Amino acid sequence: MYSTYIEIFEARHQPVPYGDDLKLDLQRFREGLHYSPRLAVIANPDQPTGAVLPIAVIEEFAEIAARQGTLLLVDEVYFPFYPETALSCLKRFSNVALLRSFSKIFGLAGLRLGFVASDENIIAAIEQVQGLHEVSSTALVAGDFVLNHSELIADYTREVEEGRRVLQAAASALGLTFPACRGNFQIVGVPSQFGVDNVVRKLYEEGFRVRSLSQVPLLRNYFRVALGGTEIMEQFAVALRRAVC
């Protein structure tokens, strides 16, 4: 969505590339901050790789950004699948804003509910341009319910990690690439001779819709799959074996 908003507001932007290890080029990001952009964005974890940055690195970026007059936006919509948070930065830096969403951990994507935490001056600026009816009463009721039932978070995160272990075992047995990933999804790399789009098509024929990443140069041999519990991921593992064998 960031690229969409950039286009809408006709902003200039400079994407920071990822390396062959599927991790953000930290030095390039540091160098970019020294050009004093008005806004710098970090997704932690990111999507689609699921890679993460240590909080110490985010604190370093926040300090550089503060000197340059840059607002640092930390996107944590996949929290708490990755439980480390940059929330402590808000106590030290007035130029940091942190985003959370009810779409991932709570499964309320259709209600479009989330929040931003930041310095009071930044929040006041946001309120000046915020629409009057951006959140529905249904979303507020659902959000209030899930916030008062923390057991839902524990159950879902456990289910996702159990499903990830099932998929990891299957991928390892098949010789597939399985990078570390800290969201409610996983990317899986297949040998080029199989053709990732061909594997995705076969999985669809088996009843599983996954996303091919073949249009992303760095991930051209990968697909992305949303994770479920043990039972559904065992079924997916069977389908995956047929798709690559």
Protein backbone atom coordinates (compact mmCIF):
# COMPACT_ATOMS: atom_id res chain seq x y z
CA MET A 1 0.00 0.00 0.00
CA TYR A 2 2.89 2.39 0.56
CA SER A 3 3.64 2.51 -3.16
CA THR A 4 -0.03 3.24 -3.82
CA TYR A 5 -0.08 6.18 -1.41
CA ILE A 6 3.18 7.47 -2.84
CA GLU A 7 1.57 7.54 -6.27
CA ILE A 8 -1.61 9.18 -5.00
CA PHE A 9 0.29 12.01 -3.32
CA GLU A 10 2.86 12.25 -6.14
CA ALA A 11 5.73 11.83 -3.72
CA ARG A 12 9.28 10.94 -4.64
CA HIS A 13 10.64 7.77 -3.09
CA GLN A 14 13.79 5.70 -3.00
CA PRO A 15 13.27 2.00 -2.27
CA VAL A 16 16.07 0.27 -0.37
CA PRO A 17 17.00 -3.11 -1.87
CA TYR A 18 17.29 -6.45 -0.16
CA GLY A 19 20.37 -8.64 -0.49
CA ASP A 20 20.66 -12.21 -1.70
CA ASP A 21 20.17 -13.26 1.94
CA LEU A 22 16.64 -11.76 1.69
CA LYS A 23 17.48 -9.12 4.29
CA LEU A 24 17.36 -5.35 4.10
CA ASP A 25 20.57 -3.62 3.05
CA LEU A 26 21.17 -1.77 6.32
CA GLN A 27 24.00 0.38 5.02
CA ARG A 28 21.89 1.61 2.10
CA PHE A 29 19.12 2.49 4.53
CA ARG A 30 21.55 4.44 6.73
CA GLU A 31 22.85 6.30 3.70
CA GLY A 32 19.31 7.13 2.63
CA LEU A 33 18.55 8.71 6.00
CA HIS A 34 21.43 11.15 5.54
CA TYR A 35 19.51 12.71 2.62
CA SER A 36 16.91 13.88 5.18
CA PRO A 37 13.76 12.34 3.67
CA ARG A 38 10.50 13.55 5.21
CA LEU A 39 9.48 9.96 5.90
CA ALA A 40 11.33 6.64 6.20
CA VAL A 41 9.40 3.38 6.52
CA ILE A 42 10.48 0.06 8.03
CA ALA A 43 8.25 -3.02 8.07
CA ASN A 44 9.21 -5.32 10.93
CA PRO A 45 8.55 -8.10 10.00
CA ASP A 46 8.36 -7.25 6.34
CA GLN A 47 6.26 -8.85 3.67
CA PRO A 48 6.69 -11.05 1.68
CA THR A 49 10.04 -12.28 3.10
CA GLY A 50 9.09 -12.16 6.77
CA ALA A 51 12.58 -10.87 7.61
CA VAL A 52 13.05 -8.84 10.79
CA LEU A 53 15.40 -6.22 12.18
CA PRO A 54 16.73 -6.22 15.76
CA ILE A 55 15.26 -3.44 17.87
CA ALA A 56 18.77 -2.07 18.42
CA VAL A 57 19.03 -1.42 14.67
CA ILE A 58 15.68 0.37 14.63
CA GLU A 59 16.84 2.52 17.57
CA GLU A 60 19.97 3.41 15.60
CA PHE A 61 17.86 4.40 12.60
CA ALA A 62 15.55 6.44 14.85
CA GLU A 63 18.52 8.36 16.22
CA ILE A 64 19.88 9.13 12.75
CA ALA A 65 16.42 10.10 11.55
CA ALA A 66 15.96 12.46 14.51
CA ARG A 67 19.15 14.31 13.60
CA GLN A 68 18.00 14.61 9.99
CA GLY A 69 14.47 15.76 10.79
CA THR A 70 12.93 12.57 9.39
CA LEU A 71 9.80 10.81 10.64
CA LEU A 72 10.54 7.09 11.05
CA LEU A 73 7.49 4.89 10.57
CA VAL A 74 7.78 1.35 11.96
CA ASP A 75 5.15 -0.99 10.56
CA GLU A 76 4.42 -3.77 13.07
CA VAL A 77 1.20 -5.12 11.59
CA TYR A 78 2.47 -8.69 12.07
CA PHE A 79 3.01 -8.24 15.81
CA PRO A 80 3.03 -10.47 17.88
CA PHE A 81 3.99 -13.23 15.44
CA TYR A 82 7.33 -11.50 15.90
CA PRO A 83 7.04 -10.44 19.56
CA GLU A 84 9.88 -7.88 19.59
CA THR A 85 8.57 -4.34 19.33
CA ALA A 86 9.95 -0.86 18.84
CA LEU A 87 7.39 0.58 21.25
CA SER A 88 10.18 1.62 23.64
CA CYS A 89 11.49 3.99 20.94
CA LEU A 90 8.46 6.21 21.52
CA LYS A 91 9.80 7.12 24.97
CA ARG A 92 13.15 8.21 23.54
CA PHE A 93 12.30 9.70 20.17
CA SER A 94 9.56 12.14 19.18
CA ASN A 95 10.09 11.34 15.47
CA VAL A 96 8.94 7.70 15.57
CA ALA A 97 5.46 6.41 14.72
CA LEU A 98 4.44 2.78 15.17
CA LEU A 99 1.63 1.03 13.29
CA ARG A 100 -0.40 -1.97 14.46
CA SER A 101 -3.29 -3.78 12.79
CA PHE A 102 -6.18 -6.01 13.81
CA SER A 103 -6.05 -7.65 10.37
CA LYS A 104 -3.36 -10.26 11.01
CA ILE A 105 -3.29 -11.62 14.55
CA PHE A 106 -7.03 -11.06 15.09
CA GLY A 107 -8.18 -11.96 11.58
CA LEU A 108 -10.30 -8.81 11.21
CA ALA A 109 -8.96 -7.64 7.85
CA GLY A 110 -12.41 -6.86 6.48
CA LEU A 111 -13.10 -4.38 9.28
CA ARG A 112 -10.09 -2.17 8.46
CA LEU A 113 -9.10 -1.58 12.08
CA GLY A 114 -5.71 -0.56 13.43
CA PHE A 115 -3.91 2.17 15.33
CA VAL A 116 -0.84 4.39 15.35
CA ALA A 117 1.24 5.22 18.43
CA SER A 118 3.50 8.26 18.35
CA ASP A 119 4.38 11.62 19.86
CA GLU A 120 1.35 13.76 20.72
CA ASN A 121 2.29 16.35 18.12
CA ILE A 122 2.35 13.76 15.36
CA ILE A 123 -0.99 12.34 16.51
CA ALA A 124 -2.46 15.85 16.50
CA ALA A 125 -1.26 16.36 12.92
CA ILE A 126 -2.84 13.06 11.86
CA GLU A 127 -6.15 14.01 13.49
CA GLN A 128 -6.28 17.18 11.40
CA VAL A 129 -6.53 15.16 8.19
CA GLN A 130 -8.35 12.09 9.50
CA GLY A 131 -11.83 11.43 8.16
CA LEU A 132 -14.83 11.53 10.48
CA HIS A 133 -16.05 8.00 9.81
CA GLU A 134 -12.95 5.93 9.07
CA VAL A 135 -13.84 3.24 11.64
CA SER A 136 -17.26 1.61 11.82
CA SER A 137 -19.11 0.79 15.03
CA THR A 138 -18.93 -2.91 14.07
CA ALA A 139 -15.14 -2.69 13.89
CA LEU A 140 -14.99 -0.99 17.29
CA VAL A 141 -17.15 -3.66 18.93
CA ALA A 142 -15.07 -6.46 17.39
CA GLY A 143 -11.82 -4.72 18.34
CA ASP A 144 -12.97 -4.27 21.93
CA PHE A 145 -13.91 -7.95 22.13
CA VAL A 146 -10.58 -9.32 20.90
CA LEU A 147 -8.57 -6.94 23.08
CA ASN A 148 -10.36 -8.39 26.09
CA HIS A 149 -9.66 -11.99 25.04
CA SER A 150 -5.88 -12.28 24.95
CA GLU A 151 -6.17 -16.07 24.86
CA LEU A 152 -7.12 -15.72 21.18
CA ILE A 153 -3.66 -14.33 20.47
CA ALA A 154 -1.89 -17.15 22.28
CA ASP A 155 -3.99 -19.81 20.57
CA TYR A 156 -3.50 -18.41 17.08
CA THR A 157 0.24 -17.80 17.36
CA ARG A 158 0.72 -21.33 18.69
CA GLU A 159 -1.37 -22.73 15.84
CA VAL A 160 0.65 -20.82 13.25
CA GLU A 161 4.00 -21.97 14.62
CA GLU A 162 2.83 -25.59 14.83
CA GLY A 163 1.75 -25.35 11.20
CA ARG A 164 5.08 -23.79 10.24
CA ARG A 165 6.97 -26.72 11.78
CA VAL A 166 4.88 -29.17 9.73
CA LEU A 167 5.64 -27.25 6.56
CA GLN A 168 9.31 -26.90 7.41
CA ALA A 169 9.66 -30.66 7.88
CA ALA A 170 8.00 -31.29 4.52
CA ALA A 171 10.11 -28.64 2.76
CA SER A 172 13.30 -30.06 4.25
CA ALA A 173 12.42 -33.58 3.12
CA LEU A 174 11.77 -32.28 -0.40
CA GLY A 175 14.96 -30.21 -0.57
CA LEU A 176 13.08 -26.90 -0.75
CA THR A 177 14.36 -23.58 0.55
CA PHE A 178 12.73 -22.46 3.80
CA PRO A 179 13.98 -19.04 5.00
CA ALA A 180 13.32 -17.78 8.52
CA CYS A 181 9.97 -16.00 8.46
CA ARG A 182 8.19 -14.21 11.31
CA GLY A 183 4.66 -13.59 10.09
CA ASN A 184 1.54 -15.73 9.76
CA PHE A 185 2.88 -16.81 6.39
CA GLN A 186 5.92 -18.55 4.96
CA ILE A 187 7.86 -18.28 1.74
CA VAL A 188 9.15 -21.48 0.18
CA GLY A 189 11.74 -21.73 -2.59
CA VAL A 190 11.60 -24.46 -5.24
CA PRO A 191 14.40 -25.53 -7.60
CA SER A 192 14.22 -23.57 -10.84
CA GLN A 193 13.69 -26.71 -12.91
CA PHE A 194 10.27 -27.22 -11.30
CA GLY A 195 9.09 -23.72 -12.19
CA VAL A 196 7.42 -21.96 -9.28
CA ASP A 197 4.40 -20.95 -11.35
CA ASN A 198 3.94 -24.57 -12.35
CA VAL A 199 4.09 -25.63 -8.69
CA VAL A 200 1.56 -22.92 -7.76
CA ARG A 201 -0.77 -24.17 -10.52
CA LYS A 202 -0.53 -27.76 -9.29
CA LEU A 203 -1.24 -26.67 -5.72
CA TYR A 204 -4.31 -24.80 -6.95
CA GLU A 205 -5.50 -27.96 -8.66
CA GLU A 206 -5.08 -29.72 -5.29
CA GLY A 207 -7.31 -27.11 -3.66
CA PHE A 208 -4.68 -24.74 -2.24
CA ARG A 209 -4.26 -21.15 -3.39
CA VAL A 210 -0.76 -19.78 -2.78
CA ARG A 211 0.94 -16.71 -4.21
CA SER A 212 3.74 -16.99 -6.74
CA LEU A 213 6.56 -14.49 -6.22
CA SER A 214 8.04 -15.10 -9.66
CA GLN A 215 7.56 -11.43 -10.59
CA VAL A 216 9.92 -10.35 -7.80
CA PRO A 217 13.47 -10.80 -9.15
CA LEU A 218 15.00 -11.71 -5.79
CA LEU A 219 12.20 -14.19 -5.07
CA ARG A 220 11.55 -15.52 -8.56
CA ASN A 221 11.73 -19.17 -7.37
CA TYR A 222 9.55 -18.68 -4.29
CA PHE A 223 5.89 -18.88 -3.41
CA ARG A 224 4.12 -17.49 -0.35
CA VAL A 225 1.63 -19.50 1.68
CA ALA A 226 -0.61 -18.42 4.56
CA LEU A 227 -0.13 -20.72 7.55
CA GLY A 228 -2.80 -22.69 9.34
CA GLY A 229 -2.83 -25.28 12.07
CA THR A 230 -1.31 -28.75 12.03
CA GLU A 231 -4.21 -30.49 10.30
CA ILE A 232 -4.48 -28.16 7.33
CA MET A 233 -0.70 -27.87 6.92
CA GLU A 234 -0.34 -31.66 6.89
CA GLN A 235 -2.85 -31.72 4.02
CA PHE A 236 -0.91 -28.96 2.30
CA ALA A 237 2.35 -30.90 2.76
CA VAL A 238 0.83 -33.88 0.94
CA ALA A 239 -0.25 -31.62 -1.92
CA LEU A 240 3.19 -30.00 -2.03
CA ARG A 241 4.90 -33.38 -2.37
CA ARG A 242 2.73 -34.19 -5.36
CA ALA A 243 3.36 -30.77 -6.88
CA VAL A 244 7.17 -31.08 -6.84
CA CYS A 245 7.58 -34.80 -7.48
